[in-house]
Amino acid sequence: MEKMIDAIVEMDKKARLRAQEAEEYKNNQMKALDGKLKEIDDKYSAYTAQEMERLAAESDQKIRRRTQEIEQAGSRAADRLEQAYRAGADAWVDEIVKRTLAGE
């Protein structure tokens, strides 16, 4: 009977040891998983930051290009107005003076 009790106690010790080992294994696996998740999160955060920088630079470039286009269009329009003024200034002045003197 005593041998049987000793055998049961020994089996209980082994079972507790296996349960403890399983718990340690589980904890180690969870730590490893946490490490992998952090690594993935860090990589994704770095990728996201890099992508945001790329998109911001691209957007800045588009804004600069569009601003240049608008400035060039404004400059061309001002040049055309200046040319029209130079081409017609004397005739306009003559016409204004003529109408003013004519009483119109």
PDB file of N, CA and C in Angstrom:
ATOM      1  N   MET A   1       0.822  -1.192   0.000  1.00  0.00           N
ATOM      2  CA  MET A   1       0.000   0.000   0.000  1.00  0.00           C
ATOM      3  C   MET A   1       0.860   1.247   0.000  1.00  0.00           C
ATOM      4  N   GLU A   2       1.946   1.155   0.788  1.00  0.00           N
ATOM      5  CA  GLU A   2       2.836   2.300   0.876  1.00  0.00           C
ATOM      6  C   GLU A   2       3.510   2.550  -0.477  1.00  0.00           C
ATOM      7  N   LYS A   3       3.859   1.470  -1.178  1.00  0.00           N
ATOM      8  CA  LYS A   3       4.449   1.606  -2.508  1.00  0.00           C
ATOM      9  C   LYS A   3       3.461   2.268  -3.461  1.00  0.00           C
ATOM     10  N   MET A   4       2.203   1.933  -3.313  1.00  0.00           N
ATOM     11  CA  MET A   4       1.166   2.502  -4.164  1.00  0.00           C
ATOM     12  C   MET A   4       1.041   3.995  -3.892  1.00  0.00           C
ATOM     13  N   ILE A   5       1.059   4.381  -2.638  1.00  0.00           N
ATOM     14  CA  ILE A   5       0.961   5.792  -2.266  1.00  0.00           C
ATOM     15  C   ILE A   5       2.204   6.534  -2.779  1.00  0.00           C
ATOM     16  N   ASP A   6       3.373   5.906  -2.607  1.00  0.00           N
ATOM     17  CA  ASP A   6       4.597   6.526  -3.118  1.00  0.00           C
ATOM     18  C   ASP A   6       4.524   6.690  -4.637  1.00  0.00           C
ATOM     19  N   ALA A   7       3.987   5.716  -5.309  1.00  0.00           N
ATOM     20  CA  ALA A   7       3.852   5.777  -6.766  1.00  0.00           C
ATOM     21  C   ALA A   7       2.896   6.904  -7.160  1.00  0.00           C
ATOM     22  N   ILE A   8       1.791   7.033  -6.444  1.00  0.00           N
ATOM     23  CA  ILE A   8       0.819   8.099  -6.729  1.00  0.00           C
ATOM     24  C   ILE A   8       1.448   9.471  -6.472  1.00  0.00           C
ATOM     25  N   VAL A   9       2.162   9.591  -5.357  1.00  0.00           N
ATOM     26  CA  VAL A   9       2.836  10.855  -5.029  1.00  0.00           C
ATOM     27  C   VAL A   9       3.854  11.186  -6.120  1.00  0.00           C
ATOM     28  N   GLU A  10       4.598  10.171  -6.546  1.00  0.00           N
ATOM     29  CA  GLU A  10       5.605  10.377  -7.595  1.00  0.00           C
ATOM     30  C   GLU A  10       4.938  10.794  -8.904  1.00  0.00           C
ATOM     31  N   MET A  11       3.838  10.171  -9.253  1.00  0.00           N
ATOM     32  CA  MET A  11       3.090  10.525 -10.458  1.00  0.00           C
ATOM     33  C   MET A  11       2.553  11.947 -10.346  1.00  0.00           C
ATOM     34  N   ASP A  12       2.093  12.328  -9.149  1.00  0.00           N
ATOM     35  CA  ASP A  12       1.597  13.677  -8.931  1.00  0.00           C
ATOM     36  C   ASP A  12       2.715  14.697  -9.117  1.00  0.00           C
ATOM     37  N   LYS A  13       3.907  14.395  -8.594  1.00  0.00           N
ATOM     38  CA  LYS A  13       5.050  15.297  -8.745  1.00  0.00           C
ATOM     39  C   LYS A  13       5.394  15.480 -10.234  1.00  0.00           C
ATOM     40  N   LYS A  14       5.409  14.353 -10.937  1.00  0.00           N
ATOM     41  CA  LYS A  14       5.722  14.410 -12.370  1.00  0.00           C
ATOM     42  C   LYS A  14       4.666  15.208 -13.129  1.00  0.00           C
ATOM     43  N   ALA A  15       3.413  15.018 -12.758  1.00  0.00           N
ATOM     44  CA  ALA A  15       2.330  15.752 -13.418  1.00  0.00           C
ATOM     45  C   ALA A  15       2.443  17.251 -13.144  1.00  0.00           C
ATOM     46  N   ARG A  16       2.764  17.601 -11.893  1.00  0.00           N
ATOM     47  CA  ARG A  16       2.941  19.019 -11.547  1.00  0.00           C
ATOM     48  C   ARG A  16       4.142  19.604 -12.298  1.00  0.00           C
ATOM     49  N   LEU A  17       5.216  18.817 -12.392  1.00  0.00           N
ATOM     50  CA  LEU A  17       6.404  19.270 -13.114  1.00  0.00           C
ATOM     51  C   LEU A  17       6.081  19.499 -14.589  1.00  0.00           C
ATOM     52  N   ARG A  18       5.342  18.592 -15.193  1.00  0.00           N
ATOM     53  CA  ARG A  18       4.928  18.747 -16.597  1.00  0.00           C
ATOM     54  C   ARG A  18       4.028  19.968 -16.767  1.00  0.00           C
ATOM     55  N   ALA A  19       3.120  20.171 -15.820  1.00  0.00           N
ATOM     56  CA  ALA A  19       2.241  21.343 -15.880  1.00  0.00           C
ATOM     57  C   ALA A  19       3.057  22.627 -15.764  1.00  0.00           C
ATOM     58  N   GLN A  20       4.044  22.606 -14.865  1.00  0.00           N
ATOM     59  CA  GLN A  20       4.914  23.776 -14.706  1.00  0.00           C
ATOM     60  C   GLN A  20       5.728  24.010 -15.982  1.00  0.00           C
ATOM     61  N   GLU A  21       6.258  22.952 -16.550  1.00  0.00           N
ATOM     62  CA  GLU A  21       7.027  23.081 -17.791  1.00  0.00           C
ATOM     63  C   GLU A  21       6.139  23.605 -18.921  1.00  0.00           C
ATOM     64  N   ALA A  22       4.917  23.106 -18.970  1.00  0.00           N
ATOM     65  CA  ALA A  22       3.977  23.570 -19.999  1.00  0.00           C
ATOM     66  C   ALA A  22       3.664  25.054 -19.812  1.00  0.00           C
ATOM     67  N   GLU A  23       3.497  25.480 -18.584  1.00  0.00           N
ATOM     68  CA  GLU A  23       3.226  26.892 -18.285  1.00  0.00           C
ATOM     69  C   GLU A  23       4.427  27.759 -18.684  1.00  0.00           C
ATOM     70  N   GLU A  24       5.639  27.283 -18.363  1.00  0.00           N
ATOM     71  CA  GLU A  24       6.852  28.011 -18.747  1.00  0.00           C
ATOM     72  C   GLU A  24       6.973  28.088 -20.269  1.00  0.00           C
ATOM     73  N   TYR A  25       6.680  26.988 -20.937  1.00  0.00           N
ATOM     74  CA  TYR A  25       6.711  26.970 -22.402  1.00  0.00           C
ATOM     75  C   TYR A  25       5.721  27.986 -22.962  1.00  0.00           C
ATOM     76  N   LYS A  26       4.531  27.970 -22.389  1.00  0.00           N
ATOM     77  CA  LYS A  26       3.490  28.907 -22.834  1.00  0.00           C
ATOM     78  C   LYS A  26       3.961  30.345 -22.626  1.00  0.00           C
ATOM     79  N   ASN A  27       4.515  30.638 -21.459  1.00  0.00           N
ATOM     80  CA  ASN A  27       5.005  31.994 -21.173  1.00  0.00           C
ATOM     81  C   ASN A  27       6.113  32.399 -22.138  1.00  0.00           C
ATOM     82  N   ASN A  28       7.032  31.462 -22.411  1.00  0.00           N
ATOM     83  CA  ASN A  28       8.113  31.752 -23.360  1.00  0.00           C
ATOM     84  C   ASN A  28       7.568  32.016 -24.763  1.00  0.00           C
ATOM     85  N   GLN A  29       6.606  31.227 -25.159  1.00  0.00           N
ATOM     86  CA  GLN A  29       5.995  31.419 -26.476  1.00  0.00           C
ATOM     87  C   GLN A  29       5.266  32.768 -26.550  1.00  0.00           C
ATOM     88  N   MET A  30       4.601  33.146 -25.470  1.00  0.00           N
ATOM     89  CA  MET A  30       3.893  34.436 -25.427  1.00  0.00           C
ATOM     90  C   MET A  30       4.903  35.590 -25.508  1.00  0.00           C
ATOM     91  N   LYS A  31       6.041  35.459 -24.819  1.00  0.00           N
ATOM     92  CA  LYS A  31       7.079  36.491 -24.895  1.00  0.00           C
ATOM     93  C   LYS A  31       7.629  36.591 -26.312  1.00  0.00           C
ATOM     94  N   ALA A  32       7.860  35.446 -26.920  1.00  0.00           N
ATOM     95  CA  ALA A  32       8.367  35.432 -28.293  1.00  0.00           C
ATOM     96  C   ALA A  32       7.346  36.061 -29.231  1.00  0.00           C
ATOM     97  N   LEU A  33       6.080  35.745 -29.028  1.00  0.00           N
ATOM     98  CA  LEU A  33       5.015  36.316 -29.850  1.00  0.00           C
ATOM     99  C   LEU A  33       4.935  37.824 -29.647  1.00  0.00           C
ATOM    100  N   ASP A  34       5.039  38.267 -28.408  1.00  0.00           N
ATOM    101  CA  ASP A  34       5.039  39.705 -28.132  1.00  0.00           C
ATOM    102  C   ASP A  34       6.206  40.382 -28.842  1.00  0.00           C
ATOM    103  N   GLY A  35       7.367  39.735 -28.818  1.00  0.00           N
ATOM    104  CA  GLY A  35       8.539  40.282 -29.513  1.00  0.00           C
ATOM    105  C   GLY A  35       8.305  40.386 -31.009  1.00  0.00           C
ATOM    106  N   LYS A  36       7.720  39.343 -31.586  1.00  0.00           N
ATOM    107  CA  LYS A  36       7.416  39.357 -33.025  1.00  0.00           C
ATOM    108  C   LYS A  36       6.402  40.453 -33.344  1.00  0.00           C
ATOM    109  N   LEU A  37       5.367  40.564 -32.507  1.00  0.00           N
ATOM    110  CA  LEU A  37       4.361  41.603 -32.738  1.00  0.00           C
ATOM    111  C   LEU A  37       4.979  42.990 -32.666  1.00  0.00           C
ATOM    112  N   LYS A  38       5.871  43.205 -31.711  1.00  0.00           N
ATOM    113  CA  LYS A  38       6.539  44.501 -31.596  1.00  0.00           C
ATOM    114  C   LYS A  38       7.396  44.760 -32.829  1.00  0.00           C
ATOM    115  N   GLU A  39       8.098  43.736 -33.277  1.00  0.00           N
ATOM    116  CA  GLU A  39       8.934  43.861 -34.473  1.00  0.00           C
ATOM    117  C   GLU A  39       8.084  44.233 -35.688  1.00  0.00           C
ATOM    118  N   ILE A  40       6.958  43.546 -35.856  1.00  0.00           N
ATOM    119  CA  ILE A  40       6.051  43.840 -36.972  1.00  0.00           C
ATOM    120  C   ILE A  40       5.500  45.256 -36.845  1.00  0.00           C
ATOM    121  N   ASP A  41       5.106  45.633 -35.632  1.00  0.00           N
ATOM    122  CA  ASP A  41       4.574  46.973 -35.398  1.00  0.00           C
ATOM    123  C   ASP A  41       5.620  48.035 -35.708  1.00  0.00           C
ATOM    124  N   ASP A  42       6.863  47.808 -35.280  1.00  0.00           N
ATOM    125  CA  ASP A  42       7.941  48.757 -35.554  1.00  0.00           C
ATOM    126  C   ASP A  42       8.180  48.894 -37.053  1.00  0.00           C
ATOM    127  N   LYS A  43       8.198  47.762 -37.754  1.00  0.00           N
ATOM    128  CA  LYS A  43       8.401  47.799 -39.212  1.00  0.00           C
ATOM    129  C   LYS A  43       7.264  48.544 -39.893  1.00  0.00           C
ATOM    130  N   TYR A  44       6.028  48.252 -39.476  1.00  0.00           N
ATOM    131  CA  TYR A  44       4.874  48.906 -40.089  1.00  0.00           C
ATOM    132  C   TYR A  44       4.876  50.400 -39.789  1.00  0.00           C
ATOM    133  N   SER A  45       5.241  50.761 -38.563  1.00  0.00           N
ATOM    134  CA  SER A  45       5.311  52.186 -38.201  1.00  0.00           C
ATOM    135  C   SER A  45       6.375  52.893 -39.036  1.00  0.00           C
ATOM    136  N   ALA A  46       7.516  52.254 -39.213  1.00  0.00           N
ATOM    137  CA  ALA A  46       8.584  52.840 -40.023  1.00  0.00           C
ATOM    138  C   ALA A  46       8.132  52.983 -41.474  1.00  0.00           C
ATOM    139  N   TYR A  47       7.476  51.944 -41.992  1.00  0.00           N
ATOM    140  CA  TYR A  47       6.967  52.000 -43.367  1.00  0.00           C
ATOM    141  C   TYR A  47       5.944  53.123 -43.507  1.00  0.00           C
ATOM    142  N   THR A  48       5.039  53.224 -42.539  1.00  0.00           N
ATOM    143  CA  THR A  48       4.007  54.253 -42.582  1.00  0.00           C
ATOM    144  C   THR A  48       4.623  55.645 -42.546  1.00  0.00           C
ATOM    145  N   ALA A  49       5.603  55.848 -41.684  1.00  0.00           N
ATOM    146  CA  ALA A  49       6.271  57.150 -41.597  1.00  0.00           C
ATOM    147  C   ALA A  49       6.976  57.473 -42.909  1.00  0.00           C
ATOM    148  N   GLN A  50       7.643  56.487 -43.480  1.00  0.00           N
ATOM    149  CA  GLN A  50       8.344  56.683 -44.742  1.00  0.00           C
ATOM    150  C   GLN A  50       7.354  56.999 -45.863  1.00  0.00           C
ATOM    151  N   GLU A  51       6.241  56.295 -45.888  1.00  0.00           N
ATOM    152  CA  GLU A  51       5.227  56.516 -46.922  1.00  0.00           C
ATOM    153  C   GLU A  51       4.610  57.910 -46.769  1.00  0.00           C
ATOM    154  N   MET A  52       4.383  58.327 -45.527  1.00  0.00           N
ATOM    155  CA  MET A  52       3.830  59.660 -45.291  1.00  0.00           C
ATOM    156  C   MET A  52       4.811  60.733 -45.759  1.00  0.00           C
ATOM    157  N   GLU A  53       6.096  60.536 -45.501  1.00  0.00           N
ATOM    158  CA  GLU A  53       7.102  61.491 -45.969  1.00  0.00           C
ATOM    159  C   GLU A  53       7.107  61.546 -47.493  1.00  0.00           C
ATOM    160  N   ARG A  54       7.026  60.392 -48.124  1.00  0.00           N
ATOM    161  CA  ARG A  54       7.023  60.338 -49.590  1.00  0.00           C
ATOM    162  C   ARG A  54       5.815  61.071 -50.150  1.00  0.00           C
ATOM    163  N   LEU A  55       4.644  60.804 -49.561  1.00  0.00           N
ATOM    164  CA  LEU A  55       3.422  61.458 -50.034  1.00  0.00           C
ATOM    165  C   LEU A  55       3.465  62.966 -49.795  1.00  0.00           C
ATOM    166  N   ALA A  56       4.015  63.393 -48.661  1.00  0.00           N
ATOM    167  CA  ALA A  56       4.128  64.819 -48.369  1.00  0.00           C
ATOM    168  C   ALA A  56       5.063  65.492 -49.378  1.00  0.00           C
ATOM    169  N   ALA A  57       6.194  64.839 -49.682  1.00  0.00           N
ATOM    170  CA  ALA A  57       7.136  65.397 -50.660  1.00  0.00           C
ATOM    171  C   ALA A  57       6.485  65.468 -52.039  1.00  0.00           C
ATOM    172  N   GLU A  58       5.764  64.430 -52.397  1.00  0.00           N
ATOM    173  CA  GLU A  58       5.072  64.404 -53.685  1.00  0.00           C
ATOM    174  C   GLU A  58       4.030  65.518 -53.759  1.00  0.00           C
ATOM    175  N   SER A  59       3.301  65.693 -52.682  1.00  0.00           N
ATOM    176  CA  SER A  59       2.282  66.747 -52.623  1.00  0.00           C
ATOM    177  C   SER A  59       2.931  68.128 -52.716  1.00  0.00           C
ATOM    178  N   ASP A  60       4.030  68.326 -51.996  1.00  0.00           N
ATOM    179  CA  ASP A  60       4.744  69.608 -52.070  1.00  0.00           C
ATOM    180  C   ASP A  60       5.207  69.885 -53.491  1.00  0.00           C
ATOM    181  N   GLN A  61       5.700  68.861 -54.143  1.00  0.00           N
ATOM    182  CA  GLN A  61       6.174  69.008 -55.515  1.00  0.00           C
ATOM    183  C   GLN A  61       5.024  69.410 -56.437  1.00  0.00           C
ATOM    184  N   LYS A  62       3.870  68.766 -56.279  1.00  0.00           N
ATOM    185  CA  LYS A  62       2.703  69.106 -57.102  1.00  0.00           C
ATOM    186  C   LYS A  62       2.259  70.543 -56.842  1.00  0.00           C
ATOM    187  N   ILE A  63       2.273  70.940 -55.578  1.00  0.00           N
ATOM    188  CA  ILE A  63       1.868  72.308 -55.230  1.00  0.00           C
ATOM    189  C   ILE A  63       2.832  73.307 -55.852  1.00  0.00           C
ATOM    190  N   ARG A  64       4.138  73.055 -55.764  1.00  0.00           N
ATOM    191  CA  ARG A  64       5.123  73.960 -56.365  1.00  0.00           C
ATOM    192  C   ARG A  64       4.933  74.054 -57.882  1.00  0.00           C
ATOM    193  N   ARG A  65       4.719  72.887 -58.521  1.00  0.00           N
ATOM    194  CA  ARG A  65       4.503  72.880 -59.972  1.00  0.00           C
ATOM    195  C   ARG A  65       3.264  73.682 -60.352  1.00  0.00           C
ATOM    196  N   ARG A  66       2.188  73.456 -59.619  1.00  0.00           N
ATOM    197  CA  ARG A  66       0.931  74.153 -59.925  1.00  0.00           C
ATOM    198  C   ARG A  66       1.080  75.654 -59.656  1.00  0.00           C
ATOM    199  N   THR A  67       1.786  76.011 -58.594  1.00  0.00           N
ATOM    200  CA  THR A  67       2.015  77.427 -58.299  1.00  0.00           C
ATOM    201  C   THR A  67       2.808  78.075 -59.420  1.00  0.00           C
ATOM    202  N   GLN A  68       3.824  77.380 -59.934  1.00  0.00           N
ATOM    203  CA  GLN A  68       4.607  77.905 -61.051  1.00  0.00           C
ATOM    204  C   GLN A  68       3.739  78.081 -62.287  1.00  0.00           C
ATOM    205  N   GLU A  69       2.882  77.102 -62.555  1.00  0.00           N
ATOM    206  CA  GLU A  69       1.992  77.201 -63.713  1.00  0.00           C
ATOM    207  C   GLU A  69       1.085  78.428 -63.590  1.00  0.00           C
ATOM    208  N   ILE A  70       0.531  78.639 -62.409  1.00  0.00           N
ATOM    209  CA  ILE A  70      -0.360  79.785 -62.187  1.00  0.00           C
ATOM    210  C   ILE A  70       0.410  81.089 -62.328  1.00  0.00           C
ATOM    211  N   GLU A  71       1.618  81.130 -61.752  1.00  0.00           N
ATOM    212  CA  GLU A  71       2.435  82.341 -61.861  1.00  0.00           C
ATOM    213  C   GLU A  71       2.808  82.623 -63.311  1.00  0.00           C
ATOM    214  N   GLN A  72       3.150  81.572 -64.055  1.00  0.00           N
ATOM    215  CA  GLN A  72       3.496  81.758 -65.467  1.00  0.00           C
ATOM    216  C   GLN A  72       2.288  82.239 -66.268  1.00  0.00           C
ATOM    217  N   ALA A  73       1.121  81.665 -65.979  1.00  0.00           N
ATOM    218  CA  ALA A  73      -0.095  82.100 -66.681  1.00  0.00           C
ATOM    219  C   ALA A  73      -0.397  83.566 -66.352  1.00  0.00           C
ATOM    220  N   GLY A  74      -0.234  83.944 -65.100  1.00  0.00           N
ATOM    221  CA  GLY A  74      -0.448  85.342 -64.711  1.00  0.00           C
ATOM    222  C   GLY A  74       0.549  86.265 -65.378  1.00  0.00           C
ATOM    223  N   SER A  75       1.787  85.833 -65.459  1.00  0.00           N
ATOM    224  CA  SER A  75       2.828  86.623 -66.110  1.00  0.00           C
ATOM    225  C   SER A  75       2.527  86.787 -67.600  1.00  0.00           C
ATOM    226  N   ARG A  76       2.091  85.704 -68.248  1.00  0.00           N
ATOM    227  CA  ARG A  76       1.738  85.788 -69.677  1.00  0.00           C
ATOM    228  C   ARG A  76       0.554  86.729 -69.890  1.00  0.00           C
ATOM    229  N   ALA A  77      -0.427  86.659 -69.002  1.00  0.00           N
ATOM    230  CA  ALA A  77      -1.588  87.550 -69.120  1.00  0.00           C
ATOM    231  C   ALA A  77      -1.166  89.002 -68.925  1.00  0.00           C
ATOM    232  N   ALA A  78      -0.293  89.258 -67.965  1.00  0.00           N
ATOM    233  CA  ALA A  78       0.200  90.624 -67.737  1.00  0.00           C
ATOM    234  C   ALA A  78       0.989  91.111 -68.949  1.00  0.00           C
ATOM    235  N   ASP A  79       1.787  90.237 -69.544  1.00  0.00           N
ATOM    236  CA  ASP A  79       2.536  90.606 -70.750  1.00  0.00           C
ATOM    237  C   ASP A  79       1.593  90.959 -71.894  1.00  0.00           C
ATOM    238  N   ARG A  80       0.536  90.158 -72.069  1.00  0.00           N
ATOM    239  CA  ARG A  80      -0.431  90.440 -73.138  1.00  0.00           C
ATOM    240  C   ARG A  80      -1.132  91.782 -72.903  1.00  0.00           C
ATOM    241  N   LEU A  81      -1.490  92.041 -71.652  1.00  0.00           N
ATOM    242  CA  LEU A  81      -2.120  93.330 -71.330  1.00  0.00           C
ATOM    243  C   LEU A  81      -1.152  94.483 -71.608  1.00  0.00           C
ATOM    244  N   GLU A  82       0.094  94.315 -71.240  1.00  0.00           N
ATOM    245  CA  GLU A  82       1.112  95.345 -71.481  1.00  0.00           C
ATOM    246  C   GLU A  82       1.275  95.587 -72.976  1.00  0.00           C
ATOM    247  N   GLN A  83       1.317  94.495 -73.755  1.00  0.00           N
ATOM    248  CA  GLN A  83       1.438  94.625 -75.209  1.00  0.00           C
ATOM    249  C   GLN A  83       0.219  95.337 -75.801  1.00  0.00           C
ATOM    250  N   ALA A  84      -0.960  94.961 -75.314  1.00  0.00           N
ATOM    251  CA  ALA A  84      -2.188  95.598 -75.803  1.00  0.00           C
ATOM    252  C   ALA A  84      -2.183  97.080 -75.453  1.00  0.00           C
ATOM    253  N   TYR A  85      -1.731  97.387 -74.243  1.00  0.00           N
ATOM    254  CA  TYR A  85      -1.655  98.793 -73.828  1.00  0.00           C
ATOM    255  C   TYR A  85      -0.697  99.573 -74.727  1.00  0.00           C
ATOM    256  N   ARG A  86       0.487  98.995 -74.960  1.00  0.00           N
ATOM    257  CA  ARG A  86       1.481  99.685 -75.789  1.00  0.00           C
ATOM    258  C   ARG A  86       0.991  99.854 -77.229  1.00  0.00           C
ATOM    259  N   ALA A  87       0.324  98.807 -77.717  1.00  0.00           N
ATOM    260  CA  ALA A  87      -0.149  98.867 -79.110  1.00  0.00           C
ATOM    261  C   ALA A  87      -1.283  99.876 -79.279  1.00  0.00           C
ATOM    262  N   GLY A  88      -2.109 100.008 -78.258  1.00  0.00           N
ATOM    263  CA  GLY A  88      -3.286 100.860 -78.437  1.00  0.00           C
ATOM    264  C   GLY A  88      -3.288 102.133 -77.630  1.00  0.00           C
ATOM    265  N   ALA A  89      -2.260 102.388 -76.852  1.00  0.00           N
ATOM    266  CA  ALA A  89      -2.266 103.529 -75.930  1.00  0.00           C
ATOM    267  C   ALA A  89      -2.432 104.850 -76.665  1.00  0.00           C
ATOM    268  N   ASP A  90      -1.653 105.083 -77.712  1.00  0.00           N
ATOM    269  CA  ASP A  90      -1.738 106.350 -78.438  1.00  0.00           C
ATOM    270  C   ASP A  90      -3.106 106.513 -79.082  1.00  0.00           C
ATOM    271  N   ALA A  91      -3.634 105.441 -79.666  1.00  0.00           N
ATOM    272  CA  ALA A  91      -4.949 105.515 -80.303  1.00  0.00           C
ATOM    273  C   ALA A  91      -6.030 105.767 -79.259  1.00  0.00           C
ATOM    274  N   TRP A  92      -5.920 105.136 -78.072  1.00  0.00           N
ATOM    275  CA  TRP A  92      -6.921 105.342 -77.021  1.00  0.00           C
ATOM    276  C   TRP A  92      -6.886 106.773 -76.501  1.00  0.00           C
ATOM    277  N   VAL A  93      -5.682 107.281 -76.324  1.00  0.00           N
ATOM    278  CA  VAL A  93      -5.551 108.672 -75.851  1.00  0.00           C
ATOM    279  C   VAL A  93      -6.140 109.623 -76.889  1.00  0.00           C
ATOM    280  N   ASP A  94      -5.819 109.410 -78.141  1.00  0.00           N
ATOM    281  CA  ASP A  94      -6.365 110.258 -79.204  1.00  0.00           C
ATOM    282  C   ASP A  94      -7.882 110.193 -79.227  1.00  0.00           C
ATOM    283  N   GLU A  95      -8.436 108.975 -79.077  1.00  0.00           N
ATOM    284  CA  GLU A  95      -9.896 108.800 -79.095  1.00  0.00           C
ATOM    285  C   GLU A  95     -10.538 109.477 -77.891  1.00  0.00           C
ATOM    286  N   ILE A  96      -9.942 109.356 -76.707  1.00  0.00           N
ATOM    287  CA  ILE A  96     -10.472 109.994 -75.497  1.00  0.00           C
ATOM    288  C   ILE A  96     -10.461 111.519 -75.662  1.00  0.00           C
ATOM    289  N   VAL A  97      -9.349 112.039 -76.169  1.00  0.00           N
ATOM    290  CA  VAL A  97      -9.242 113.504 -76.369  1.00  0.00           C
ATOM    291  C   VAL A  97     -10.274 113.956 -77.408  1.00  0.00           C
ATOM    292  N   LYS A  98     -10.404 113.224 -78.488  1.00  0.00           N
ATOM    293  CA  LYS A  98     -11.362 113.559 -79.559  1.00  0.00           C
ATOM    294  C   LYS A  98     -12.778 113.591 -79.020  1.00  0.00           C
ATOM    295  N   ARG A  99     -13.163 112.560 -78.253  1.00  0.00           N
ATOM    296  CA  ARG A  99     -14.535 112.481 -77.710  1.00  0.00           C
ATOM    297  C   ARG A  99     -14.765 113.557 -76.672  1.00  0.00           C
ATOM    298  N   THR A 100     -13.728 113.821 -75.887  1.00  0.00           N
ATOM    299  CA  THR A 100     -13.878 114.845 -74.857  1.00  0.00           C
ATOM    300  C   THR A 100     -14.093 116.210 -75.507  1.00  0.00           C
ATOM    301  N   LEU A 101     -13.332 116.488 -76.532  1.00  0.00           N
ATOM    302  CA  LEU A 101     -13.455 117.765 -77.222  1.00  0.00           C
ATOM    303  C   LEU A 101     -14.761 117.844 -77.999  1.00  0.00           C
ATOM    304  N   ALA A 102     -15.236 116.715 -78.480  1.00  0.00           N
ATOM    305  CA  ALA A 102     -16.485 116.674 -79.227  1.00  0.00           C
ATOM    306  C   ALA A 102     -17.679 116.742 -78.284  1.00  0.00           C
ATOM    307  N   GLY A 103     -17.450 116.565 -76.998  1.00  0.00           N
ATOM    308  CA  GLY A 103     -18.548 116.637 -76.029  1.00  0.00           C
ATOM    309  C   GLY A 103     -19.324 115.349 -75.853  1.00  0.00           C
ATOM    310  N   GLU A 104     -18.793 114.285 -76.189  1.00  0.00           N
ATOM    311  CA  GLU A 104     -19.479 113.003 -76.046  1.00  0.00           C
ATOM    312  C   GLU A 104     -19.385 112.473 -74.665  1.00  0.00           C
TER     313      GLU A 104
END
